[in-house]
């Protein structure tokens, strides 16, 4: 520890809080952007999966009609 003590002023505390708030806002915005991208990717994946499974199920239930002449 140093022998000289410095006093912390109100302005020092306010500046530190502003700095912390700025860092917190930047981190929150970054997380929101990543969350949106992950959500969009998941939605696209679900839609593709539903399309593929729907085609597969539709092919299995397809009716075959034979026409014969007598």
N, C-alpha and C. Protein backbone atom coordinates (compact mmCIF):
# COMPACT_ATOMS: atom_id res chain seq x y z
N UNK A 1 0.83 -1.17 0.00
CA UNK A 1 0.00 0.00 0.00
C UNK A 1 0.88 1.24 0.00
N UNK A 2 0.37 2.26 -0.60
CA UNK A 2 1.12 3.51 -0.64
C UNK A 2 0.81 4.32 0.61
N UNK A 3 1.72 5.20 0.94
CA UNK A 3 1.54 6.02 2.13
C UNK A 3 0.64 7.21 1.86
N UNK A 4 0.52 7.62 0.61
CA UNK A 4 -0.37 8.74 0.29
C UNK A 4 -1.73 8.20 -0.06
N UNK A 5 -2.74 8.77 0.53
CA UNK A 5 -4.11 8.35 0.25
C UNK A 5 -4.76 9.36 -0.67
N UNK A 6 -5.46 8.85 -1.69
CA UNK A 6 -6.18 9.74 -2.59
C UNK A 6 -7.66 9.61 -2.28
N UNK A 7 -8.34 10.71 -2.34
CA UNK A 7 -9.77 10.70 -2.06
C UNK A 7 -10.53 10.42 -3.34
N UNK A 8 -11.58 9.65 -3.21
CA UNK A 8 -12.43 9.32 -4.35
C UNK A 8 -13.57 10.33 -4.36
N UNK A 9 -13.69 11.00 -5.49
CA UNK A 9 -14.73 12.02 -5.59
C UNK A 9 -16.00 11.42 -6.19
N UNK A 10 -17.06 12.17 -6.10
CA UNK A 10 -18.33 11.75 -6.66
C UNK A 10 -18.22 11.58 -8.17
N UNK A 11 -17.47 12.45 -8.82
CA UNK A 11 -17.28 12.38 -10.27
C UNK A 11 -16.56 11.09 -10.67
N UNK A 12 -15.60 10.64 -9.85
CA UNK A 12 -14.89 9.39 -10.14
C UNK A 12 -15.86 8.21 -10.13
N UNK A 13 -16.73 8.18 -9.13
CA UNK A 13 -17.70 7.09 -9.03
C UNK A 13 -18.68 7.14 -10.19
N UNK A 14 -19.17 8.33 -10.53
CA UNK A 14 -20.11 8.46 -11.65
C UNK A 14 -19.47 8.04 -12.96
N UNK A 15 -18.21 8.42 -13.18
CA UNK A 15 -17.50 8.03 -14.41
C UNK A 15 -17.35 6.52 -14.50
N UNK A 16 -17.06 5.88 -13.37
CA UNK A 16 -16.90 4.43 -13.36
C UNK A 16 -18.24 3.73 -13.66
N UNK A 17 -19.32 4.26 -13.08
CA UNK A 17 -20.63 3.69 -13.36
C UNK A 17 -21.02 3.85 -14.82
N UNK A 18 -20.71 4.99 -15.41
CA UNK A 18 -21.00 5.21 -16.83
C UNK A 18 -20.21 4.22 -17.68
N UNK A 19 -18.96 4.01 -17.33
CA UNK A 19 -18.11 3.06 -18.07
C UNK A 19 -18.67 1.64 -17.96
N UNK A 20 -19.08 1.25 -16.75
CA UNK A 20 -19.65 -0.09 -16.56
C UNK A 20 -20.96 -0.25 -17.32
N UNK A 21 -21.79 0.79 -17.30
CA UNK A 21 -23.07 0.74 -18.01
C UNK A 21 -22.85 0.60 -19.52
N UNK A 22 -21.87 1.31 -20.05
CA UNK A 22 -21.54 1.23 -21.48
C UNK A 22 -21.09 -0.18 -21.84
N UNK A 23 -20.22 -0.75 -21.01
CA UNK A 23 -19.75 -2.12 -21.27
C UNK A 23 -20.90 -3.12 -21.20
N UNK A 24 -21.80 -2.92 -20.24
CA UNK A 24 -22.94 -3.81 -20.10
C UNK A 24 -23.88 -3.70 -21.29
N UNK A 25 -24.13 -2.49 -21.76
CA UNK A 25 -24.99 -2.30 -22.93
C UNK A 25 -24.39 -2.95 -24.17
N UNK A 26 -23.08 -2.82 -24.35
CA UNK A 26 -22.42 -3.44 -25.50
C UNK A 26 -22.53 -4.96 -25.45
N UNK A 27 -22.34 -5.52 -24.27
CA UNK A 27 -22.43 -6.98 -24.13
C UNK A 27 -23.86 -7.46 -24.38
N UNK A 28 -24.84 -6.71 -23.90
CA UNK A 28 -26.24 -7.09 -24.10
C UNK A 28 -26.62 -7.03 -25.57
N UNK A 29 -26.20 -6.00 -26.27
CA UNK A 29 -26.50 -5.88 -27.70
C UNK A 29 -25.85 -7.00 -28.49
N UNK A 30 -24.64 -7.36 -28.11
CA UNK A 30 -23.94 -8.45 -28.78
C UNK A 30 -24.69 -9.77 -28.57
N UNK A 31 -25.15 -9.99 -27.36
CA UNK A 31 -25.88 -11.23 -27.05
C UNK A 31 -27.20 -11.27 -27.80
N UNK A 32 -27.87 -10.13 -27.94
CA UNK A 32 -29.13 -10.09 -28.68
C UNK A 32 -28.91 -10.45 -30.14
N UNK A 33 -27.84 -9.93 -30.73
CA UNK A 33 -27.55 -10.23 -32.13
C UNK A 33 -27.29 -11.72 -32.33
N UNK A 34 -26.51 -12.30 -31.44
CA UNK A 34 -26.22 -13.73 -31.54
C UNK A 34 -27.50 -14.54 -31.34
N UNK A 35 -28.32 -14.13 -30.40
CA UNK A 35 -29.58 -14.83 -30.14
C UNK A 35 -30.51 -14.80 -31.33
N UNK A 36 -30.58 -13.67 -32.01
CA UNK A 36 -31.43 -13.56 -33.20
C UNK A 36 -30.94 -14.50 -34.29
N UNK A 37 -29.63 -14.53 -34.50
CA UNK A 37 -29.08 -15.39 -35.54
C UNK A 37 -29.33 -16.87 -35.24
N UNK A 38 -29.16 -17.25 -33.99
CA UNK A 38 -29.40 -18.65 -33.60
C UNK A 38 -30.88 -18.99 -33.76
N UNK A 39 -31.76 -18.08 -33.40
CA UNK A 39 -33.20 -18.30 -33.54
C UNK A 39 -33.61 -18.47 -34.98
N UNK A 40 -33.08 -17.63 -35.85
CA UNK A 40 -33.39 -17.73 -37.28
C UNK A 40 -32.88 -19.04 -37.85
N UNK A 41 -31.67 -19.42 -37.47
CA UNK A 41 -31.10 -20.68 -37.96
C UNK A 41 -31.94 -21.88 -37.49
N UNK A 42 -32.40 -21.84 -36.25
CA UNK A 42 -33.22 -22.93 -35.72
C UNK A 42 -34.56 -23.00 -36.46
N UNK A 43 -35.15 -21.85 -36.75
CA UNK A 43 -36.42 -21.82 -37.47
C UNK A 43 -36.27 -22.40 -38.87
N UNK A 44 -35.21 -22.03 -39.55
CA UNK A 44 -34.97 -22.56 -40.90
C UNK A 44 -34.76 -24.07 -40.84
N UNK A 45 -34.03 -24.54 -39.85
CA UNK A 45 -33.79 -25.97 -39.70
C UNK A 45 -35.10 -26.72 -39.45
N UNK A 46 -35.96 -26.18 -38.62
CA UNK A 46 -37.25 -26.82 -38.34
C UNK A 46 -38.11 -26.86 -39.61
N UNK A 47 -38.12 -25.77 -40.37
CA UNK A 47 -38.91 -25.75 -41.60
C UNK A 47 -38.40 -26.78 -42.62
N UNK A 48 -37.10 -26.88 -42.77
CA UNK A 48 -36.52 -27.86 -43.70
C UNK A 48 -36.84 -29.28 -43.24
N UNK A 49 -36.71 -29.52 -41.94
CA UNK A 49 -37.00 -30.84 -41.40
C UNK A 49 -38.48 -31.20 -41.61
N UNK A 50 -39.37 -30.26 -41.37
CA UNK A 50 -40.80 -30.51 -41.57
C UNK A 50 -41.10 -30.80 -43.04
N UNK A 51 -40.45 -30.08 -43.93
CA UNK A 51 -40.65 -30.31 -45.37
C UNK A 51 -40.20 -31.71 -45.76
N UNK A 52 -39.02 -32.10 -45.30
CA UNK A 52 -38.48 -33.42 -45.66
C UNK A 52 -39.35 -34.53 -45.08
N UNK A 53 -39.74 -34.39 -43.81
CA UNK A 53 -40.57 -35.43 -43.21
C UNK A 53 -41.96 -35.48 -43.86
N UNK A 54 -42.48 -34.34 -44.27
CA UNK A 54 -43.77 -34.30 -44.95
C UNK A 54 -43.72 -34.98 -46.30
N UNK A 55 -42.64 -34.78 -47.02
CA UNK A 55 -42.50 -35.45 -48.32
C UNK A 55 -42.38 -36.96 -48.14
N UNK A 56 -41.63 -37.35 -47.12
CA UNK A 56 -41.44 -38.78 -46.88
C UNK A 56 -42.77 -39.43 -46.49
N UNK A 57 -43.54 -38.77 -45.63
CA UNK A 57 -44.83 -39.31 -45.22
C UNK A 57 -45.82 -39.31 -46.38
N UNK A 58 -45.79 -38.28 -47.20
CA UNK A 58 -46.67 -38.20 -48.36
C UNK A 58 -46.37 -39.29 -49.36
N UNK A 59 -45.10 -39.62 -49.53
CA UNK A 59 -44.73 -40.69 -50.47
C UNK A 59 -45.19 -42.04 -49.96
N UNK A 60 -45.19 -42.23 -48.65
CA UNK A 60 -45.60 -43.52 -48.09
C UNK A 60 -47.11 -43.71 -48.19
N UNK A 61 -47.88 -42.64 -48.14
CA UNK A 61 -49.34 -42.75 -48.16
C UNK A 61 -49.93 -42.50 -49.55
N UNK A 62 -49.12 -42.48 -50.55
CA UNK A 62 -49.60 -42.20 -51.90
C UNK A 62 -50.47 -43.36 -52.40
N UNK A 63 -51.60 -43.04 -52.97
CA UNK A 63 -52.53 -44.05 -53.48
C UNK A 63 -52.15 -44.42 -54.91
N UNK A 64 -52.16 -45.71 -55.16
CA UNK A 64 -51.86 -46.20 -56.50
C UNK A 64 -53.17 -46.70 -57.11
N UNK A 65 -53.51 -46.18 -58.27
CA UNK A 65 -54.75 -46.56 -58.94
C UNK A 65 -54.37 -47.27 -60.24
N UNK A 66 -54.90 -48.50 -60.39
CA UNK A 66 -54.65 -49.24 -61.62
C UNK A 66 -55.92 -49.25 -62.44
N UNK A 67 -55.77 -49.01 -63.70
CA UNK A 67 -56.91 -49.05 -64.61
C UNK A 67 -56.69 -50.19 -65.57
N UNK A 68 -57.67 -51.10 -65.62
CA UNK A 68 -57.57 -52.24 -66.50
C UNK A 68 -58.74 -52.25 -67.45
N UNK A 69 -58.46 -52.56 -68.66
CA UNK A 69 -59.53 -52.71 -69.65
C UNK A 69 -59.94 -54.17 -69.70
N UNK A 70 -61.19 -54.34 -69.80
CA UNK A 70 -61.68 -55.70 -69.85
C UNK A 70 -62.12 -56.07 -71.25
